[in-house]
């Protein structure tokens, strides 16, 4: 009997993963191309509240430019960089302002010797395999970093899925999802100091300084 329950449990968990993807796609389509989480979670406000009007901001992994666009409404200047060229093309087409510059490239290599007041990493680190090397590679670009990453222990289901050998990540392109402990450890190894950290919507939102 236990074997039958376990079979249907695993089947249900795999179905929930599939439904999560379907729901996300349908939500984006119904909202005209932008995921409703941007509006409902309100994470743009976290970044806006932690920049100043005279700041130069680098948005690494800027995606379609929606966050860079909002940042440019407050900051002096914003550079949005993404390694995926089609993201930059979308950003230039839909989310452009005179004080935004979009670049397709690698933030560790393609910014010459530019300096910024603030670097934004919004749901970026989890997509990078060698995160410690990446973080060390951008340390010289700014002293202040605003970081948002998903948590592994956001609730009990990801832990249970991993225990059962079922896909537990929110996105298969994630190399990791964090606990507070793993986030602190990664920042320490990379030579960063956490000024403040909060848990919002199963995510870590942190203000970090380079040592």
C-alpha atoms as a PDB file:
ATOM      1  CA  UNK A   1       0.000   0.000   0.000  1.00  0.00           C
ATOM      2  CA  UNK A   2       2.822   2.368   0.897  1.00  0.00           C
ATOM      3  CA  UNK A   3       4.374   1.800  -2.555  1.00  0.00           C
ATOM      4  CA  UNK A   4       1.134   2.812  -4.278  1.00  0.00           C
ATOM      5  CA  UNK A   5       0.899   6.008  -2.209  1.00  0.00           C
ATOM      6  CA  UNK A   6       4.519   6.838  -3.013  1.00  0.00           C
ATOM      7  CA  UNK A   7       3.874   6.303  -6.739  1.00  0.00           C
ATOM      8  CA  UNK A   8       0.914   8.689  -6.790  1.00  0.00           C
ATOM      9  CA  UNK A   9       2.758  11.136  -4.558  1.00  0.00           C
ATOM     10  CA  UNK A  10       5.659  11.388  -6.994  1.00  0.00           C
ATOM     11  CA  UNK A  11       3.264  11.606  -9.922  1.00  0.00           C
ATOM     12  CA  UNK A  12       1.405  14.454  -8.211  1.00  0.00           C
ATOM     13  CA  UNK A  13       4.614  16.327  -7.427  1.00  0.00           C
ATOM     14  CA  UNK A  14       5.781  16.056 -11.041  1.00  0.00           C
ATOM     15  CA  UNK A  15       2.343  17.257 -12.141  1.00  0.00           C
ATOM     16  CA  UNK A  16       2.612  20.235  -9.797  1.00  0.00           C
ATOM     17  CA  UNK A  17       5.948  21.172 -11.416  1.00  0.00           C
ATOM     18  CA  UNK A  18       4.345  21.035 -14.847  1.00  0.00           C
ATOM     19  CA  UNK A  19       1.340  23.073 -13.701  1.00  0.00           C
ATOM     20  CA  UNK A  20       3.652  25.700 -12.200  1.00  0.00           C
ATOM     21  CA  UNK A  21       5.237  26.199 -15.624  1.00  0.00           C
ATOM     22  CA  UNK A  22       1.872  26.312 -17.394  1.00  0.00           C
ATOM     23  CA  UNK A  23       0.509  28.825 -14.891  1.00  0.00           C
ATOM     24  CA  UNK A  24       3.572  31.048 -15.349  1.00  0.00           C
ATOM     25  CA  UNK A  25       3.257  31.000 -19.143  1.00  0.00           C
ATOM     26  CA  UNK A  26      -0.477  31.740 -19.042  1.00  0.00           C
ATOM     27  CA  UNK A  27       0.021  34.506 -16.464  1.00  0.00           C
ATOM     28  CA  UNK A  28       2.635  36.193 -18.669  1.00  0.00           C
ATOM     29  CA  UNK A  29       0.383  35.932 -21.735  1.00  0.00           C
ATOM     30  CA  UNK A  30      -2.624  37.301 -19.848  1.00  0.00           C
ATOM     31  CA  UNK A  31      -0.568  40.247 -18.542  1.00  0.00           C
ATOM     32  CA  UNK A  32       0.641  41.237 -22.012  1.00  0.00           C
ATOM     33  CA  UNK A  33       4.144  39.800 -21.774  1.00  0.00           C
ATOM     34  CA  UNK A  34       5.261  40.688 -18.239  1.00  0.00           C
ATOM     35  CA  UNK A  35       4.998  38.219 -15.348  1.00  0.00           C
ATOM     36  CA  UNK A  36       2.529  39.466 -12.696  1.00  0.00           C
ATOM     37  CA  UNK A  37       5.110  38.732  -9.979  1.00  0.00           C
ATOM     38  CA  UNK A  38       6.787  42.015 -10.918  1.00  0.00           C
ATOM     39  CA  UNK A  39       3.643  43.836  -9.846  1.00  0.00           C
ATOM     40  CA  UNK A  40       2.495  41.643  -6.972  1.00  0.00           C
ATOM     41  CA  UNK A  41       5.805  41.062  -5.189  1.00  0.00           C
ATOM     42  CA  UNK A  42       6.843  44.684  -5.610  1.00  0.00           C
ATOM     43  CA  UNK A  43      10.550  43.866  -5.574  1.00  0.00           C
ATOM     44  CA  UNK A  44      11.329  46.871  -7.787  1.00  0.00           C
ATOM     45  CA  UNK A  45      10.630  48.995  -4.706  1.00  0.00           C
ATOM     46  CA  UNK A  46      13.430  47.258  -2.774  1.00  0.00           C
ATOM     47  CA  UNK A  47      15.948  48.366  -5.378  1.00  0.00           C
ATOM     48  CA  UNK A  48      14.475  51.849  -5.751  1.00  0.00           C
ATOM     49  CA  UNK A  49      14.507  52.442  -2.001  1.00  0.00           C
ATOM     50  CA  UNK A  50      18.218  51.635  -1.872  1.00  0.00           C
ATOM     51  CA  UNK A  51      19.530  53.900  -4.619  1.00  0.00           C
ATOM     52  CA  UNK A  52      19.973  57.674  -4.632  1.00  0.00           C
ATOM     53  CA  UNK A  53      19.091  60.270  -7.238  1.00  0.00           C
ATOM     54  CA  UNK A  54      22.750  60.896  -8.113  1.00  0.00           C
ATOM     55  CA  UNK A  55      23.717  57.216  -8.315  1.00  0.00           C
ATOM     56  CA  UNK A  56      25.094  55.450 -11.345  1.00  0.00           C
ATOM     57  CA  UNK A  57      23.587  51.944 -11.391  1.00  0.00           C
ATOM     58  CA  UNK A  58      24.634  48.766 -13.156  1.00  0.00           C
ATOM     59  CA  UNK A  59      21.832  46.213 -13.645  1.00  0.00           C
ATOM     60  CA  UNK A  60      23.551  42.889 -14.351  1.00  0.00           C
ATOM     61  CA  UNK A  61      21.345  40.338 -16.083  1.00  0.00           C
ATOM     62  CA  UNK A  62      18.841  43.066 -16.895  1.00  0.00           C
ATOM     63  CA  UNK A  63      16.646  40.782 -18.994  1.00  0.00           C
ATOM     64  CA  UNK A  64      13.897  42.670 -20.803  1.00  0.00           C
ATOM     65  CA  UNK A  65      14.814  45.952 -19.082  1.00  0.00           C
ATOM     66  CA  UNK A  66      11.696  46.402 -16.929  1.00  0.00           C
ATOM     67  CA  UNK A  67      13.694  46.916 -13.729  1.00  0.00           C
ATOM     68  CA  UNK A  68      16.356  49.076 -15.404  1.00  0.00           C
ATOM     69  CA  UNK A  69      13.550  51.303 -16.715  1.00  0.00           C
ATOM     70  CA  UNK A  70      12.197  51.895 -13.216  1.00  0.00           C
ATOM     71  CA  UNK A  71      15.676  52.441 -11.804  1.00  0.00           C
ATOM     72  CA  UNK A  72      16.322  55.078 -14.457  1.00  0.00           C
ATOM     73  CA  UNK A  73      13.307  56.999 -13.156  1.00  0.00           C
ATOM     74  CA  UNK A  74      15.268  57.728  -9.967  1.00  0.00           C
ATOM     75  CA  UNK A  75      18.992  57.210 -10.626  1.00  0.00           C
ATOM     76  CA  UNK A  76      21.275  59.550 -12.521  1.00  0.00           C
ATOM     77  CA  UNK A  77      22.209  56.827 -14.994  1.00  0.00           C
ATOM     78  CA  UNK A  78      21.650  53.109 -15.530  1.00  0.00           C
ATOM     79  CA  UNK A  79      23.601  50.561 -17.536  1.00  0.00           C
ATOM     80  CA  UNK A  80      21.748  47.329 -18.214  1.00  0.00           C
ATOM     81  CA  UNK A  81      23.870  44.396 -19.326  1.00  0.00           C
ATOM     82  CA  UNK A  82      22.745  40.910 -20.283  1.00  0.00           C
ATOM     83  CA  UNK A  83      24.649  38.053 -21.865  1.00  0.00           C
ATOM     84  CA  UNK A  84      21.616  37.168 -24.007  1.00  0.00           C
ATOM     85  CA  UNK A  85      21.497  39.538 -26.979  1.00  0.00           C
ATOM     86  CA  UNK A  86      17.782  39.065 -27.682  1.00  0.00           C
ATOM     87  CA  UNK A  87      17.029  40.326 -24.156  1.00  0.00           C
ATOM     88  CA  UNK A  88      18.923  43.518 -24.907  1.00  0.00           C
ATOM     89  CA  UNK A  89      17.042  43.972 -28.183  1.00  0.00           C
ATOM     90  CA  UNK A  90      13.736  43.667 -26.302  1.00  0.00           C
ATOM     91  CA  UNK A  91      14.925  46.084 -23.619  1.00  0.00           C
ATOM     92  CA  UNK A  92      15.948  48.709 -26.165  1.00  0.00           C
ATOM     93  CA  UNK A  93      12.618  48.353 -27.952  1.00  0.00           C
ATOM     94  CA  UNK A  94      10.310  48.471 -24.923  1.00  0.00           C
ATOM     95  CA  UNK A  95      12.114  49.841 -21.856  1.00  0.00           C
ATOM     96  CA  UNK A  96      14.380  52.635 -22.977  1.00  0.00           C
ATOM     97  CA  UNK A  97      15.087  56.070 -21.528  1.00  0.00           C
ATOM     98  CA  UNK A  98      17.700  58.725 -22.311  1.00  0.00           C
ATOM     99  CA  UNK A  99      19.691  57.846 -19.183  1.00  0.00           C
ATOM    100  CA  UNK A 100      19.759  54.087 -19.859  1.00  0.00           C
ATOM    101  CA  UNK A 101      22.469  52.322 -21.830  1.00  0.00           C
ATOM    102  CA  UNK A 102      21.938  48.675 -22.734  1.00  0.00           C
ATOM    103  CA  UNK A 103      24.808  46.320 -23.519  1.00  0.00           C
ATOM    104  CA  UNK A 104      24.928  42.707 -24.652  1.00  0.00           C
ATOM    105  CA  UNK A 105      27.909  41.118 -22.950  1.00  0.00           C
ATOM    106  CA  UNK A 106      29.632  39.678 -19.901  1.00  0.00           C
ATOM    107  CA  UNK A 107      29.811  41.988 -16.889  1.00  0.00           C
ATOM    108  CA  UNK A 108      33.124  40.453 -15.798  1.00  0.00           C
ATOM    109  CA  UNK A 109      34.813  41.263 -19.116  1.00  0.00           C
ATOM    110  CA  UNK A 110      32.989  43.844 -21.218  1.00  0.00           C
ATOM    111  CA  UNK A 111      32.657  46.948 -19.033  1.00  0.00           C
ATOM    112  CA  UNK A 112      36.240  48.138 -19.429  1.00  0.00           C
ATOM    113  CA  UNK A 113      37.122  49.986 -16.233  1.00  0.00           C
ATOM    114  CA  UNK A 114      33.778  51.635 -15.548  1.00  0.00           C
ATOM    115  CA  UNK A 115      32.793  52.307 -11.937  1.00  0.00           C
ATOM    116  CA  UNK A 116      29.285  52.449 -10.510  1.00  0.00           C
ATOM    117  CA  UNK A 117      27.717  53.513  -7.244  1.00  0.00           C
ATOM    118  CA  UNK A 118      25.392  50.503  -7.075  1.00  0.00           C
ATOM    119  CA  UNK A 119      25.185  47.115  -8.766  1.00  0.00           C
ATOM    120  CA  UNK A 120      21.838  45.318  -8.991  1.00  0.00           C
ATOM    121  CA  UNK A 121      21.662  41.519  -9.195  1.00  0.00           C
ATOM    122  CA  UNK A 122      17.984  40.595  -9.386  1.00  0.00           C
ATOM    123  CA  UNK A 123      17.467  36.829  -9.750  1.00  0.00           C
ATOM    124  CA  UNK A 124      20.845  36.510 -11.441  1.00  0.00           C
ATOM    125  CA  UNK A 125      23.241  34.590  -9.179  1.00  0.00           C
ATOM    126  CA  UNK A 126      21.210  31.378  -9.239  1.00  0.00           C
ATOM    127  CA  UNK A 127      21.748  31.195 -13.020  1.00  0.00           C
ATOM    128  CA  UNK A 128      25.551  31.272 -12.683  1.00  0.00           C
ATOM    129  CA  UNK A 129      27.509  28.077 -12.069  1.00  0.00           C
ATOM    130  CA  UNK A 130      30.792  29.564 -10.842  1.00  0.00           C
ATOM    131  CA  UNK A 131      29.235  32.222  -8.643  1.00  0.00           C
ATOM    132  CA  UNK A 132      32.214  32.870  -6.375  1.00  0.00           C
ATOM    133  CA  UNK A 133      34.461  33.593  -9.363  1.00  0.00           C
ATOM    134  CA  UNK A 134      31.752  35.795 -10.869  1.00  0.00           C
ATOM    135  CA  UNK A 135      31.310  37.789  -7.665  1.00  0.00           C
ATOM    136  CA  UNK A 136      35.059  38.274  -7.327  1.00  0.00           C
ATOM    137  CA  UNK A 137      35.146  39.366 -10.962  1.00  0.00           C
ATOM    138  CA  UNK A 138      32.706  42.242 -10.433  1.00  0.00           C
ATOM    139  CA  UNK A 139      33.906  43.448  -7.023  1.00  0.00           C
ATOM    140  CA  UNK A 140      35.930  46.273  -8.518  1.00  0.00           C
ATOM    141  CA  UNK A 141      32.910  47.739 -10.329  1.00  0.00           C
ATOM    142  CA  UNK A 142      31.123  49.087  -7.207  1.00  0.00           C
ATOM    143  CA  UNK A 143      31.077  49.040  -3.421  1.00  0.00           C
ATOM    144  CA  UNK A 144      27.336  48.528  -2.953  1.00  0.00           C
ATOM    145  CA  UNK A 145      25.367  45.552  -4.278  1.00  0.00           C
ATOM    146  CA  UNK A 146      21.622  44.948  -4.121  1.00  0.00           C
ATOM    147  CA  UNK A 147      20.914  41.238  -4.450  1.00  0.00           C
ATOM    148  CA  UNK A 148      17.722  39.217  -4.844  1.00  0.00           C
ATOM    149  CA  UNK A 149      17.831  35.402  -5.009  1.00  0.00           C
ATOM    150  CA  UNK A 150      15.314  32.553  -4.590  1.00  0.00           C
ATOM    151  CA  UNK A 151      15.389  30.370  -1.487  1.00  0.00           C
ATOM    152  CA  UNK A 152      15.554  26.583  -1.470  1.00  0.00           C
ATOM    153  CA  UNK A 153      13.823  26.365   1.906  1.00  0.00           C
ATOM    154  CA  UNK A 154      10.994  28.719   0.862  1.00  0.00           C
ATOM    155  CA  UNK A 155       8.632  26.030   2.143  1.00  0.00           C
ATOM    156  CA  UNK A 156       8.701  22.280   2.818  1.00  0.00           C
ATOM    157  CA  UNK A 157       7.909  21.083  -0.710  1.00  0.00           C
ATOM    158  CA  UNK A 158      11.284  21.792  -2.376  1.00  0.00           C
ATOM    159  CA  UNK A 159      13.021  19.924   0.444  1.00  0.00           C
ATOM    160  CA  UNK A 160      10.657  16.970   0.088  1.00  0.00           C
ATOM    161  CA  UNK A 161      10.962  16.905  -3.712  1.00  0.00           C
ATOM    162  CA  UNK A 162      14.753  16.842  -3.481  1.00  0.00           C
ATOM    163  CA  UNK A 163      14.583  14.048  -0.913  1.00  0.00           C
ATOM    164  CA  UNK A 164      12.406  12.032  -3.324  1.00  0.00           C
ATOM    165  CA  UNK A 165      14.659  12.708  -6.314  1.00  0.00           C
ATOM    166  CA  UNK A 166      12.144  14.966  -8.062  1.00  0.00           C
ATOM    167  CA  UNK A 167      12.978  18.309  -9.689  1.00  0.00           C
ATOM    168  CA  UNK A 168      12.837  20.858  -6.873  1.00  0.00           C
ATOM    169  CA  UNK A 169      14.091  24.032  -8.513  1.00  0.00           C
ATOM    170  CA  UNK A 170      11.788  26.838  -9.594  1.00  0.00           C
ATOM    171  CA  UNK A 171      13.649  26.863 -12.905  1.00  0.00           C
ATOM    172  CA  UNK A 172      15.853  24.164 -14.447  1.00  0.00           C
ATOM    173  CA  UNK A 173      18.393  26.834 -15.408  1.00  0.00           C
ATOM    174  CA  UNK A 174      19.116  27.450 -11.707  1.00  0.00           C
ATOM    175  CA  UNK A 175      22.446  26.083 -10.558  1.00  0.00           C
ATOM    176  CA  UNK A 176      21.384  26.699  -6.964  1.00  0.00           C
ATOM    177  CA  UNK A 177      18.636  28.040  -4.754  1.00  0.00           C
ATOM    178  CA  UNK A 178      19.691  29.433  -1.404  1.00  0.00           C
ATOM    179  CA  UNK A 179      19.304  29.045   2.311  1.00  0.00           C
ATOM    180  CA  UNK A 180      20.343  31.937   4.525  1.00  0.00           C
ATOM    181  CA  UNK A 181      23.357  29.873   5.556  1.00  0.00           C
ATOM    182  CA  UNK A 182      24.495  29.131   1.987  1.00  0.00           C
ATOM    183  CA  UNK A 183      23.993  32.774   0.984  1.00  0.00           C
ATOM    184  CA  UNK A 184      26.082  34.041   3.908  1.00  0.00           C
ATOM    185  CA  UNK A 185      28.795  31.489   3.144  1.00  0.00           C
ATOM    186  CA  UNK A 186      28.936  32.394  -0.546  1.00  0.00           C
ATOM    187  CA  UNK A 187      29.195  36.121   0.205  1.00  0.00           C
ATOM    188  CA  UNK A 188      31.947  35.492   2.750  1.00  0.00           C
ATOM    189  CA  UNK A 189      34.007  33.332   0.383  1.00  0.00           C
ATOM    190  CA  UNK A 190      33.677  35.932  -2.375  1.00  0.00           C
ATOM    191  CA  UNK A 191      34.802  38.705  -0.026  1.00  0.00           C
ATOM    192  CA  UNK A 192      31.510  40.510   0.524  1.00  0.00           C
ATOM    193  CA  UNK A 193      29.850  41.758   3.706  1.00  0.00           C
ATOM    194  CA  UNK A 194      26.077  41.615   4.212  1.00  0.00           C
ATOM    195  CA  UNK A 195      24.756  44.916   5.575  1.00  0.00           C
ATOM    196  CA  UNK A 196      21.117  43.836   5.749  1.00  0.00           C
ATOM    197  CA  UNK A 197      19.019  40.879   4.694  1.00  0.00           C
ATOM    198  CA  UNK A 198      15.301  40.176   4.658  1.00  0.00           C
ATOM    199  CA  UNK A 199      13.143  37.269   3.538  1.00  0.00           C
ATOM    200  CA  UNK A 200      10.343  38.259   1.171  1.00  0.00           C
ATOM    201  CA  UNK A 201       8.084  35.926  -0.818  1.00  0.00           C
ATOM    202  CA  UNK A 202      10.488  33.016  -0.393  1.00  0.00           C
ATOM    203  CA  UNK A 203      13.425  35.129  -1.575  1.00  0.00           C
ATOM    204  CA  UNK A 204      16.473  36.750  -0.002  1.00  0.00           C
ATOM    205  CA  UNK A 205      16.692  40.505  -0.529  1.00  0.00           C
ATOM    206  CA  UNK A 206      20.063  41.776   0.621  1.00  0.00           C
ATOM    207  CA  UNK A 207      22.231  44.884   0.697  1.00  0.00           C
ATOM    208  CA  UNK A 208      25.846  43.790   0.380  1.00  0.00           C
ATOM    209  CA  UNK A 209      29.174  45.635   0.385  1.00  0.00           C
ATOM    210  CA  UNK A 210      32.446  44.523  -1.153  1.00  0.00           C
ATOM    211  CA  UNK A 211      35.276  44.284   1.394  1.00  0.00           C
END
